[in-house]
Amino acid sequence: MKVTPDNVREYIQQGLDCEHVEVEGDGRHFEAVIVSKEFDGKGKLQQQRLVFQILGGKMDVIHALSMKTFTPQQWAEQD
């Protein structure tokens, strides 16, 4: 089964309360922008670990995911 950016976005949204999720990719390599209040009080590494934990075994078919994670406040401060 080929994984699409929409699939990856759905996987993330199923396990994480997100205000915003963007995913782009080619079926094996993906880039995501994720905004969630669940990132409040966590460093970038903890935020990314949380996403990888949510994706769990799906990383076998996703293969590679790079991401930018933001709290809602950080996202609002973006230019």
N, C-alpha and C. Protein backbone atom coordinates (compact mmCIF):
# COMPACT_ATOMS: atom_id res chain seq x y z
N MET A 1 0.84 -1.19 0.00
CA MET A 1 0.00 0.00 0.00
C MET A 1 0.88 1.25 0.00
N LYS A 2 0.63 2.14 -0.93
CA LYS A 2 1.37 3.39 -0.98
C LYS A 2 0.72 4.39 -0.03
N VAL A 3 1.53 4.98 0.81
CA VAL A 3 1.05 5.96 1.77
C VAL A 3 1.07 7.34 1.12
N THR A 4 -0.01 8.09 1.31
CA THR A 4 -0.11 9.43 0.75
C THR A 4 0.06 10.48 1.86
N PRO A 5 0.33 11.72 1.48
CA PRO A 5 0.37 12.78 2.50
C PRO A 5 -0.94 12.86 3.30
N ASP A 6 -2.07 12.62 2.64
CA ASP A 6 -3.36 12.63 3.36
C ASP A 6 -3.40 11.54 4.42
N ASN A 7 -2.85 10.36 4.09
CA ASN A 7 -2.80 9.26 5.08
C ASN A 7 -2.00 9.68 6.30
N VAL A 8 -0.82 10.25 6.06
CA VAL A 8 0.06 10.66 7.16
C VAL A 8 -0.63 11.71 8.02
N ARG A 9 -1.29 12.67 7.37
CA ARG A 9 -2.02 13.71 8.11
C ARG A 9 -3.11 13.07 8.99
N GLU A 10 -3.83 12.12 8.44
CA GLU A 10 -4.88 11.43 9.21
C GLU A 10 -4.29 10.66 10.38
N TYR A 11 -3.17 9.96 10.16
CA TYR A 11 -2.52 9.22 11.24
C TYR A 11 -2.16 10.14 12.39
N ILE A 12 -1.61 11.30 12.06
CA ILE A 12 -1.20 12.26 13.10
C ILE A 12 -2.44 12.79 13.82
N GLN A 13 -3.46 13.17 13.07
CA GLN A 13 -4.66 13.75 13.67
C GLN A 13 -5.44 12.73 14.52
N GLN A 14 -5.31 11.46 14.23
CA GLN A 14 -6.00 10.44 15.01
C GLN A 14 -5.42 10.32 16.42
N GLY A 15 -4.13 10.63 16.56
CA GLY A 15 -3.49 10.44 17.86
C GLY A 15 -3.11 11.72 18.59
N LEU A 16 -3.30 12.86 17.93
CA LEU A 16 -2.85 14.12 18.50
C LEU A 16 -3.90 15.19 18.22
N ASP A 17 -4.25 15.96 19.24
CA ASP A 17 -5.19 17.06 19.08
C ASP A 17 -4.46 18.20 18.39
N CYS A 18 -4.71 18.38 17.10
CA CYS A 18 -3.97 19.36 16.30
C CYS A 18 -4.85 20.52 15.89
N GLU A 19 -4.26 21.69 15.90
CA GLU A 19 -4.93 22.87 15.35
C GLU A 19 -4.65 23.01 13.87
N HIS A 20 -3.50 22.49 13.45
CA HIS A 20 -3.09 22.62 12.05
C HIS A 20 -2.11 21.51 11.72
N VAL A 21 -2.29 20.86 10.56
CA VAL A 21 -1.34 19.85 10.09
C VAL A 21 -1.23 19.99 8.57
N GLU A 22 -0.01 20.13 8.10
CA GLU A 22 0.29 20.12 6.66
C GLU A 22 1.26 18.98 6.42
N VAL A 23 1.02 18.18 5.40
CA VAL A 23 1.95 17.10 5.06
C VAL A 23 2.15 17.08 3.55
N GLU A 24 3.40 17.00 3.15
CA GLU A 24 3.76 16.83 1.75
C GLU A 24 4.69 15.64 1.65
N GLY A 25 4.69 14.97 0.50
CA GLY A 25 5.60 13.85 0.36
C GLY A 25 5.38 13.07 -0.92
N ASP A 26 6.27 12.09 -1.12
CA ASP A 26 6.28 11.31 -2.36
C ASP A 26 5.88 9.85 -2.18
N GLY A 27 5.34 9.51 -1.02
CA GLY A 27 4.94 8.13 -0.78
C GLY A 27 5.87 7.39 0.17
N ARG A 28 7.09 7.88 0.34
CA ARG A 28 8.04 7.29 1.29
C ARG A 28 8.71 8.34 2.15
N HIS A 29 8.91 9.51 1.62
CA HIS A 29 9.55 10.60 2.36
C HIS A 29 8.55 11.74 2.49
N PHE A 30 8.35 12.19 3.74
CA PHE A 30 7.33 13.19 4.00
C PHE A 30 7.90 14.33 4.84
N GLU A 31 7.28 15.51 4.68
CA GLU A 31 7.58 16.68 5.49
C GLU A 31 6.27 17.15 6.08
N ALA A 32 6.28 17.47 7.37
CA ALA A 32 5.05 17.88 8.05
C ALA A 32 5.27 19.14 8.87
N VAL A 33 4.21 19.94 8.95
CA VAL A 33 4.13 21.07 9.88
C VAL A 33 2.96 20.73 10.79
N ILE A 34 3.22 20.68 12.09
CA ILE A 34 2.21 20.24 13.05
C ILE A 34 2.08 21.27 14.16
N VAL A 35 0.85 21.73 14.40
CA VAL A 35 0.57 22.68 15.47
C VAL A 35 -0.39 22.01 16.45
N SER A 36 0.03 21.91 17.71
CA SER A 36 -0.80 21.25 18.71
C SER A 36 -0.58 21.85 20.09
N LYS A 37 -1.67 22.00 20.84
CA LYS A 37 -1.55 22.46 22.22
C LYS A 37 -0.89 21.40 23.09
N GLU A 38 -0.87 20.15 22.61
CA GLU A 38 -0.21 19.08 23.35
C GLU A 38 1.31 19.25 23.38
N PHE A 39 1.84 20.18 22.59
CA PHE A 39 3.27 20.47 22.59
C PHE A 39 3.65 21.49 23.66
N ASP A 40 2.66 22.14 24.28
CA ASP A 40 2.95 23.13 25.33
C ASP A 40 3.83 22.53 26.41
N GLY A 41 4.88 23.25 26.78
CA GLY A 41 5.77 22.82 27.86
C GLY A 41 6.78 21.76 27.47
N LYS A 42 6.80 21.37 26.18
CA LYS A 42 7.73 20.35 25.71
C LYS A 42 8.76 21.00 24.78
N GLY A 43 9.98 20.52 24.84
CA GLY A 43 11.01 20.95 23.91
C GLY A 43 10.77 20.34 22.54
N LYS A 44 11.49 20.80 21.54
CA LYS A 44 11.32 20.30 20.16
C LYS A 44 11.52 18.79 20.07
N LEU A 45 12.55 18.29 20.74
CA LEU A 45 12.80 16.85 20.69
C LEU A 45 11.65 16.06 21.30
N GLN A 46 11.12 16.53 22.43
CA GLN A 46 9.97 15.86 23.06
C GLN A 46 8.74 15.91 22.16
N GLN A 47 8.54 17.04 21.49
CA GLN A 47 7.41 17.17 20.58
C GLN A 47 7.52 16.16 19.44
N GLN A 48 8.70 16.06 18.86
CA GLN A 48 8.88 15.13 17.74
C GLN A 48 8.78 13.68 18.20
N ARG A 49 9.30 13.38 19.37
CA ARG A 49 9.16 12.02 19.91
C ARG A 49 7.69 11.66 20.10
N LEU A 50 6.89 12.63 20.54
CA LEU A 50 5.47 12.40 20.72
C LEU A 50 4.82 12.01 19.38
N VAL A 51 5.17 12.73 18.33
CA VAL A 51 4.61 12.42 17.00
C VAL A 51 5.04 11.03 16.56
N PHE A 52 6.33 10.71 16.70
CA PHE A 52 6.81 9.39 16.30
C PHE A 52 6.15 8.29 17.12
N GLN A 53 5.91 8.55 18.41
CA GLN A 53 5.23 7.57 19.26
C GLN A 53 3.81 7.33 18.74
N ILE A 54 3.13 8.39 18.35
CA ILE A 54 1.76 8.27 17.82
C ILE A 54 1.76 7.47 16.52
N LEU A 55 2.75 7.70 15.67
CA LEU A 55 2.81 6.99 14.39
C LEU A 55 3.21 5.53 14.57
N GLY A 56 4.01 5.25 15.58
CA GLY A 56 4.37 3.87 15.91
C GLY A 56 4.79 3.04 14.72
N GLY A 57 4.14 1.90 14.54
CA GLY A 57 4.46 0.96 13.48
C GLY A 57 4.23 1.48 12.08
N LYS A 58 3.49 2.56 11.95
CA LYS A 58 3.24 3.12 10.62
C LYS A 58 4.51 3.70 10.02
N MET A 59 5.54 3.93 10.85
CA MET A 59 6.80 4.44 10.32
C MET A 59 7.46 3.43 9.38
N ASP A 60 7.09 2.16 9.47
CA ASP A 60 7.63 1.17 8.53
C ASP A 60 7.21 1.48 7.10
N VAL A 61 6.00 1.97 6.91
CA VAL A 61 5.53 2.29 5.56
C VAL A 61 5.75 3.76 5.20
N ILE A 62 5.87 4.61 6.21
CA ILE A 62 6.15 6.03 5.94
C ILE A 62 7.62 6.19 5.57
N HIS A 63 8.48 5.44 6.19
CA HIS A 63 9.91 5.40 5.96
C HIS A 63 10.63 6.61 6.54
N ALA A 64 10.32 7.82 6.08
CA ALA A 64 11.04 9.00 6.57
C ALA A 64 10.07 10.17 6.74
N LEU A 65 10.19 10.84 7.87
CA LEU A 65 9.33 11.99 8.16
C LEU A 65 10.17 13.07 8.82
N SER A 66 10.23 14.22 8.17
CA SER A 66 10.84 15.38 8.82
C SER A 66 9.68 16.29 9.19
N MET A 67 9.83 16.96 10.32
CA MET A 67 8.69 17.77 10.77
C MET A 67 9.15 19.04 11.46
N LYS A 68 8.26 20.01 11.41
CA LYS A 68 8.39 21.24 12.18
C LYS A 68 7.18 21.24 13.11
N THR A 69 7.44 21.35 14.40
CA THR A 69 6.36 21.32 15.38
C THR A 69 6.27 22.67 16.08
N PHE A 70 5.04 23.07 16.36
CA PHE A 70 4.78 24.35 16.99
C PHE A 70 3.64 24.23 18.00
N THR A 71 3.74 24.99 19.07
CA THR A 71 2.59 25.20 19.93
C THR A 71 1.70 26.22 19.22
N PRO A 72 0.43 26.35 19.61
CA PRO A 72 -0.41 27.37 18.98
C PRO A 72 0.18 28.78 19.11
N GLN A 73 0.79 29.08 20.25
CA GLN A 73 1.38 30.41 20.45
C GLN A 73 2.56 30.61 19.50
N GLN A 74 3.42 29.61 19.38
CA GLN A 74 4.55 29.71 18.45
C GLN A 74 4.08 29.88 17.03
N TRP A 75 3.04 29.16 16.65
CA TRP A 75 2.48 29.24 15.30
C TRP A 75 1.93 30.62 15.03
N ALA A 76 1.26 31.20 16.00
CA ALA A 76 0.67 32.53 15.84
C ALA A 76 1.76 33.60 15.66
N GLU A 77 2.94 33.33 16.20
CA GLU A 77 4.03 34.29 16.11
C GLU A 77 4.83 34.16 14.81
N GLN A 78 4.51 33.16 13.98
CA GLN A 78 5.20 32.98 12.71
C GLN A 78 4.86 34.10 11.75
N ASP A 79 5.83 34.51 10.97
CA ASP A 79 5.59 35.57 9.97
C ASP A 79 4.92 35.01 8.75
